[in-house]
Amino acid sequence: MNHAKAVVFDQSVALCGSPNLDSRSLLLNYESAVVFYGAEEIEWLARWIQALIPGSLAFDNRAPSLWRDVSEGLLLDRRLSVMRSRCAVPAAAAAARRVGKRLHRKPDPS
């Protein structure tokens, strides 16, 4: 299973944990991460990542099945509905609606 991530962005910040930068991770799942700011810790993480590369396999990226796509869309839609209904602040409710519209936008065919 490919889930945990470790990323060194530069000498000032690194991340190790489970979140992806997608709508499912940010709005649907419960994720956990550790952010590194210290130079010594970032260097340790970079060395650890480099040590793992020789034994790693290439990831076979495949599109999700139709069933998974539909079910995640339904769950995300439900989660956004709950978020909107609990928003006491009109601006927060409007922001949740905008996020929902962006997530359900169809990709440009070109």
N, C-alpha and C. Protein backbone atom coordinates (compact mmCIF):
# COMPACT_ATOMS: atom_id res chain seq x y z
N MET A 1 0.85 -1.18 0.00
CA MET A 1 0.00 0.00 0.00
C MET A 1 0.89 1.24 0.00
N ASN A 2 0.62 2.16 -0.89
CA ASN A 2 1.35 3.41 -0.96
C ASN A 2 0.55 4.49 -0.26
N HIS A 3 0.98 4.86 0.93
CA HIS A 3 0.22 5.88 1.63
C HIS A 3 1.12 6.91 2.33
N ALA A 4 2.11 6.46 3.05
CA ALA A 4 2.96 7.39 3.78
C ALA A 4 3.84 8.18 2.82
N LYS A 5 4.07 9.43 3.16
CA LYS A 5 4.91 10.29 2.33
C LYS A 5 5.96 10.97 3.18
N ALA A 6 7.08 11.23 2.57
CA ALA A 6 8.13 12.04 3.19
C ALA A 6 8.66 12.96 2.10
N VAL A 7 8.58 14.26 2.35
CA VAL A 7 8.97 15.24 1.33
C VAL A 7 9.86 16.30 1.98
N VAL A 8 11.00 16.55 1.36
CA VAL A 8 11.87 17.65 1.78
C VAL A 8 11.70 18.74 0.73
N PHE A 9 11.09 19.85 1.12
CA PHE A 9 10.84 20.93 0.17
C PHE A 9 12.09 21.75 -0.08
N ASP A 10 12.80 22.10 0.97
CA ASP A 10 14.06 22.83 0.87
C ASP A 10 14.77 22.70 2.22
N GLN A 11 15.72 23.55 2.50
CA GLN A 11 16.45 23.46 3.76
C GLN A 11 15.68 24.02 4.94
N SER A 12 14.47 24.54 4.69
CA SER A 12 13.73 25.15 5.79
C SER A 12 12.45 24.42 6.19
N VAL A 13 11.96 23.47 5.36
CA VAL A 13 10.74 22.75 5.71
C VAL A 13 10.70 21.38 5.04
N ALA A 14 10.19 20.40 5.80
CA ALA A 14 9.99 19.04 5.29
C ALA A 14 8.72 18.49 5.94
N LEU A 15 8.15 17.45 5.32
CA LEU A 15 6.88 16.89 5.77
C LEU A 15 6.96 15.38 5.72
N CYS A 16 6.40 14.74 6.75
CA CYS A 16 6.32 13.29 6.78
C CYS A 16 4.95 12.94 7.34
N GLY A 17 4.15 12.16 6.57
CA GLY A 17 2.83 11.81 7.05
C GLY A 17 1.96 11.21 5.97
N SER A 18 0.64 11.28 6.18
CA SER A 18 -0.29 10.60 5.28
C SER A 18 -1.05 11.49 4.30
N PRO A 19 -1.15 12.82 4.47
CA PRO A 19 -2.03 13.57 3.57
C PRO A 19 -1.51 13.71 2.14
N ASN A 20 -2.45 13.70 1.20
CA ASN A 20 -2.19 14.06 -0.18
C ASN A 20 -2.68 15.49 -0.36
N LEU A 21 -2.27 16.12 -1.42
CA LEU A 21 -2.80 17.45 -1.73
C LEU A 21 -3.95 17.31 -2.72
N ASP A 22 -5.01 16.68 -2.26
CA ASP A 22 -6.20 16.50 -3.08
C ASP A 22 -7.44 16.67 -2.20
N SER A 23 -8.59 16.73 -2.85
CA SER A 23 -9.83 16.99 -2.11
C SER A 23 -10.16 15.89 -1.12
N ARG A 24 -9.87 14.64 -1.47
CA ARG A 24 -10.20 13.55 -0.56
C ARG A 24 -9.41 13.68 0.74
N SER A 25 -8.11 13.88 0.65
CA SER A 25 -7.29 13.99 1.85
C SER A 25 -7.61 15.23 2.66
N LEU A 26 -7.88 16.32 1.96
CA LEU A 26 -8.09 17.58 2.67
C LEU A 26 -9.48 17.73 3.26
N LEU A 27 -10.49 17.09 2.66
CA LEU A 27 -11.86 17.31 3.12
C LEU A 27 -12.57 16.06 3.62
N LEU A 28 -12.15 14.87 3.21
CA LEU A 28 -12.89 13.67 3.53
C LEU A 28 -12.19 12.81 4.58
N ASN A 29 -10.92 12.59 4.41
CA ASN A 29 -10.17 11.70 5.30
C ASN A 29 -9.63 12.44 6.52
N TYR A 30 -9.29 11.66 7.52
CA TYR A 30 -8.55 12.19 8.66
C TYR A 30 -7.09 11.84 8.42
N GLU A 31 -6.26 12.83 8.32
CA GLU A 31 -4.85 12.62 8.00
C GLU A 31 -3.98 13.14 9.13
N SER A 32 -2.73 12.70 9.10
CA SER A 32 -1.78 13.11 10.13
C SER A 32 -0.42 13.36 9.50
N ALA A 33 0.28 14.38 9.98
CA ALA A 33 1.60 14.69 9.42
C ALA A 33 2.46 15.37 10.48
N VAL A 34 3.75 15.24 10.27
CA VAL A 34 4.73 15.95 11.09
C VAL A 34 5.47 16.89 10.16
N VAL A 35 5.60 18.15 10.55
CA VAL A 35 6.33 19.14 9.77
C VAL A 35 7.65 19.41 10.46
N PHE A 36 8.73 19.35 9.70
CA PHE A 36 10.06 19.59 10.23
C PHE A 36 10.52 20.99 9.81
N TYR A 37 11.03 21.76 10.77
CA TYR A 37 11.56 23.09 10.48
C TYR A 37 13.05 23.20 10.79
N GLY A 38 13.56 22.35 11.67
CA GLY A 38 14.97 22.42 12.06
C GLY A 38 15.89 21.83 11.00
N ALA A 39 17.00 22.49 10.76
CA ALA A 39 17.95 22.05 9.73
C ALA A 39 18.45 20.64 9.99
N GLU A 40 18.74 20.31 11.24
CA GLU A 40 19.25 18.98 11.57
C GLU A 40 18.21 17.90 11.29
N GLU A 41 16.97 18.15 11.66
CA GLU A 41 15.90 17.18 11.42
C GLU A 41 15.60 17.02 9.94
N ILE A 42 15.63 18.12 9.20
CA ILE A 42 15.39 18.06 7.75
C ILE A 42 16.50 17.27 7.07
N GLU A 43 17.73 17.49 7.48
CA GLU A 43 18.85 16.74 6.91
C GLU A 43 18.72 15.25 7.23
N TRP A 44 18.29 14.92 8.45
CA TRP A 44 18.08 13.51 8.82
C TRP A 44 17.02 12.88 7.92
N LEU A 45 15.90 13.58 7.70
CA LEU A 45 14.83 13.05 6.85
C LEU A 45 15.32 12.88 5.41
N ALA A 46 16.07 13.84 4.90
CA ALA A 46 16.61 13.74 3.53
C ALA A 46 17.52 12.52 3.39
N ARG A 47 18.37 12.28 4.38
CA ARG A 47 19.27 11.10 4.34
C ARG A 47 18.45 9.81 4.40
N TRP A 48 17.41 9.79 5.22
CA TRP A 48 16.56 8.60 5.34
C TRP A 48 15.88 8.29 4.00
N ILE A 49 15.35 9.34 3.35
CA ILE A 49 14.70 9.16 2.04
C ILE A 49 15.71 8.62 1.03
N GLN A 50 16.89 9.21 0.98
CA GLN A 50 17.92 8.76 0.04
C GLN A 50 18.31 7.31 0.29
N ALA A 51 18.36 6.88 1.55
CA ALA A 51 18.72 5.50 1.88
C ALA A 51 17.64 4.51 1.43
N LEU A 52 16.38 4.93 1.35
CA LEU A 52 15.29 4.05 0.92
C LEU A 52 15.19 3.89 -0.59
N ILE A 53 15.70 4.84 -1.35
CA ILE A 53 15.52 4.83 -2.81
C ILE A 53 16.08 3.58 -3.48
N PRO A 54 17.28 3.09 -3.15
CA PRO A 54 17.79 1.91 -3.86
C PRO A 54 16.89 0.67 -3.76
N GLY A 55 16.18 0.50 -2.67
CA GLY A 55 15.32 -0.67 -2.51
C GLY A 55 13.87 -0.43 -2.92
N SER A 56 13.59 0.72 -3.51
CA SER A 56 12.21 1.06 -3.87
C SER A 56 11.84 0.54 -5.24
N LEU A 57 10.53 0.35 -5.44
CA LEU A 57 9.99 -0.06 -6.73
C LEU A 57 9.24 1.10 -7.36
N ALA A 58 9.19 1.12 -8.68
CA ALA A 58 8.43 2.15 -9.38
C ALA A 58 6.94 1.96 -9.09
N PHE A 59 6.23 3.04 -8.93
CA PHE A 59 4.79 2.99 -8.65
C PHE A 59 4.03 2.86 -9.96
N ASP A 60 3.11 1.91 -10.02
CA ASP A 60 2.27 1.70 -11.20
C ASP A 60 0.99 2.51 -11.02
N ASN A 61 0.97 3.69 -11.58
CA ASN A 61 -0.15 4.60 -11.41
C ASN A 61 -1.29 4.22 -12.36
N ARG A 62 -2.46 3.91 -11.79
CA ARG A 62 -3.64 3.56 -12.58
C ARG A 62 -4.80 4.44 -12.13
N ALA A 63 -5.67 4.75 -13.06
CA ALA A 63 -6.86 5.53 -12.73
C ALA A 63 -7.76 4.72 -11.80
N PRO A 64 -8.46 5.37 -10.87
CA PRO A 64 -9.37 4.62 -9.99
C PRO A 64 -10.53 4.03 -10.79
N SER A 65 -11.11 2.99 -10.25
CA SER A 65 -12.26 2.36 -10.91
C SER A 65 -13.46 3.31 -10.87
N LEU A 66 -14.41 3.07 -11.74
CA LEU A 66 -15.62 3.89 -11.77
C LEU A 66 -16.35 3.82 -10.42
N TRP A 67 -16.42 2.62 -9.84
CA TRP A 67 -17.09 2.44 -8.54
C TRP A 67 -16.42 3.31 -7.47
N ARG A 68 -15.10 3.31 -7.42
CA ARG A 68 -14.40 4.12 -6.41
C ARG A 68 -14.63 5.60 -6.66
N ASP A 69 -14.55 6.02 -7.93
CA ASP A 69 -14.77 7.42 -8.27
C ASP A 69 -16.16 7.88 -7.84
N VAL A 70 -17.18 7.10 -8.15
CA VAL A 70 -18.55 7.46 -7.81
C VAL A 70 -18.76 7.47 -6.30
N SER A 71 -18.29 6.43 -5.61
CA SER A 71 -18.51 6.35 -4.16
C SER A 71 -17.78 7.48 -3.43
N GLU A 72 -16.56 7.81 -3.84
CA GLU A 72 -15.85 8.91 -3.19
C GLU A 72 -16.55 10.24 -3.47
N GLY A 73 -17.08 10.39 -4.68
CA GLY A 73 -17.81 11.61 -5.01
C GLY A 73 -19.04 11.77 -4.14
N LEU A 74 -19.76 10.68 -3.90
CA LEU A 74 -20.95 10.73 -3.04
C LEU A 74 -20.58 11.05 -1.61
N LEU A 75 -19.52 10.43 -1.11
CA LEU A 75 -19.08 10.70 0.27
C LEU A 75 -18.62 12.14 0.42
N LEU A 76 -17.87 12.63 -0.56
CA LEU A 76 -17.39 14.00 -0.49
C LEU A 76 -18.55 14.98 -0.56
N ASP A 77 -19.53 14.70 -1.44
CA ASP A 77 -20.70 15.56 -1.54
C ASP A 77 -21.45 15.61 -0.21
N ARG A 78 -21.59 14.46 0.45
CA ARG A 78 -22.26 14.40 1.75
C ARG A 78 -21.48 15.18 2.79
N ARG A 79 -20.17 15.03 2.79
CA ARG A 79 -19.32 15.75 3.76
C ARG A 79 -19.44 17.25 3.57
N LEU A 80 -19.44 17.71 2.31
CA LEU A 80 -19.59 19.13 2.06
C LEU A 80 -20.96 19.64 2.49
N SER A 81 -22.00 18.82 2.29
CA SER A 81 -23.34 19.21 2.73
C SER A 81 -23.39 19.39 4.24
N VAL A 82 -22.79 18.47 4.96
CA VAL A 82 -22.75 18.56 6.43
C VAL A 82 -21.98 19.80 6.85
N MET A 83 -20.84 20.05 6.19
CA MET A 83 -20.04 21.23 6.52
C MET A 83 -20.85 22.50 6.31
N ARG A 84 -21.57 22.58 5.19
CA ARG A 84 -22.38 23.77 4.91
C ARG A 84 -23.50 23.94 5.92
N SER A 85 -24.13 22.84 6.32
CA SER A 85 -25.26 22.94 7.26
C SER A 85 -24.80 23.34 8.66
N ARG A 86 -23.56 23.07 9.00
CA ARG A 86 -23.05 23.41 10.34
C ARG A 86 -22.43 24.79 10.40
N CYS A 87 -22.27 25.44 9.26
CA CYS A 87 -21.63 26.75 9.23
C CYS A 87 -22.58 27.81 9.77
N ALA A 88 -22.18 28.44 10.86
CA ALA A 88 -22.99 29.52 11.42
C ALA A 88 -22.63 30.84 10.76
N VAL A 89 -21.45 30.90 10.16
CA VAL A 89 -20.98 32.13 9.54
C VAL A 89 -21.26 32.06 8.04
N PRO A 90 -22.02 32.99 7.48
CA PRO A 90 -22.36 32.94 6.06
C PRO A 90 -21.14 32.87 5.15
N ALA A 91 -20.06 33.57 5.47
CA ALA A 91 -18.87 33.55 4.63
C ALA A 91 -18.26 32.15 4.57
N ALA A 92 -18.28 31.42 5.70
CA ALA A 92 -17.74 30.06 5.72
C ALA A 92 -18.60 29.12 4.89
N ALA A 93 -19.92 29.30 4.95
CA ALA A 93 -20.82 28.48 4.13
C ALA A 93 -20.59 28.74 2.65
N ALA A 94 -20.39 30.00 2.28
CA ALA A 94 -20.13 30.35 0.88
C ALA A 94 -18.81 29.74 0.42
N ALA A 95 -17.80 29.76 1.28
CA ALA A 95 -16.51 29.15 0.93
C ALA A 95 -16.66 27.66 0.71
N ALA A 96 -17.44 26.98 1.55
CA ALA A 96 -17.66 25.54 1.38
C ALA A 96 -18.36 25.25 0.06
N ARG A 97 -19.30 26.11 -0.34
CA ARG A 97 -19.98 25.93 -1.64
C ARG A 97 -19.00 26.11 -2.78
N ARG A 98 -18.11 27.10 -2.69
CA ARG A 98 -17.12 27.32 -3.76
C ARG A 98 -16.20 26.12 -3.89
N VAL A 99 -15.75 25.56 -2.75
CA VAL A 99 -14.89 24.38 -2.78
C VAL A 99 -15.62 23.23 -3.46
N GLY A 100 -16.87 23.01 -3.12
CA GLY A 100 -17.65 21.94 -3.72
C GLY A 100 -17.78 22.10 -5.23
N LYS A 101 -18.00 23.32 -5.70
CA LYS A 101 -18.11 23.56 -7.14
C LYS A 101 -16.80 23.27 -7.85
N ARG A 102 -15.68 23.67 -7.25
CA ARG A 102 -14.38 23.41 -7.88
C ARG A 102 -14.09 21.92 -7.94
N LEU A 103 -14.48 21.17 -6.90
CA LEU A 103 -14.18 19.75 -6.85
C LEU A 103 -15.00 18.97 -7.86
N HIS A 104 -16.18 19.45 -8.21
CA HIS A 104 -17.05 18.72 -9.12
C HIS A 104 -16.97 19.25 -10.56
N ARG A 105 -16.03 20.16 -10.81
CA ARG A 105 -15.86 20.70 -12.16
C ARG A 105 -15.29 19.63 -13.07
N LYS A 106 -15.84 19.53 -14.27
CA LYS A 106 -15.35 18.54 -15.23
C LYS A 106 -14.06 19.03 -15.85
N PRO A 107 -13.09 18.12 -16.09
CA PRO A 107 -11.82 18.54 -16.69
C PRO A 107 -12.02 19.03 -18.12
N ASP A 108 -11.19 19.95 -18.51
CA ASP A 108 -11.20 20.49 -19.86
C ASP A 108 -10.74 19.40 -20.82
N PRO A 109 -11.54 19.07 -21.88
CA PRO A 109 -11.18 17.96 -22.77
C PRO A 109 -9.98 18.24 -23.65
N SER A 110 -9.53 19.49 -23.75
CA SER A 110 -8.40 19.80 -24.65
C SER A 110 -7.07 19.39 -24.10
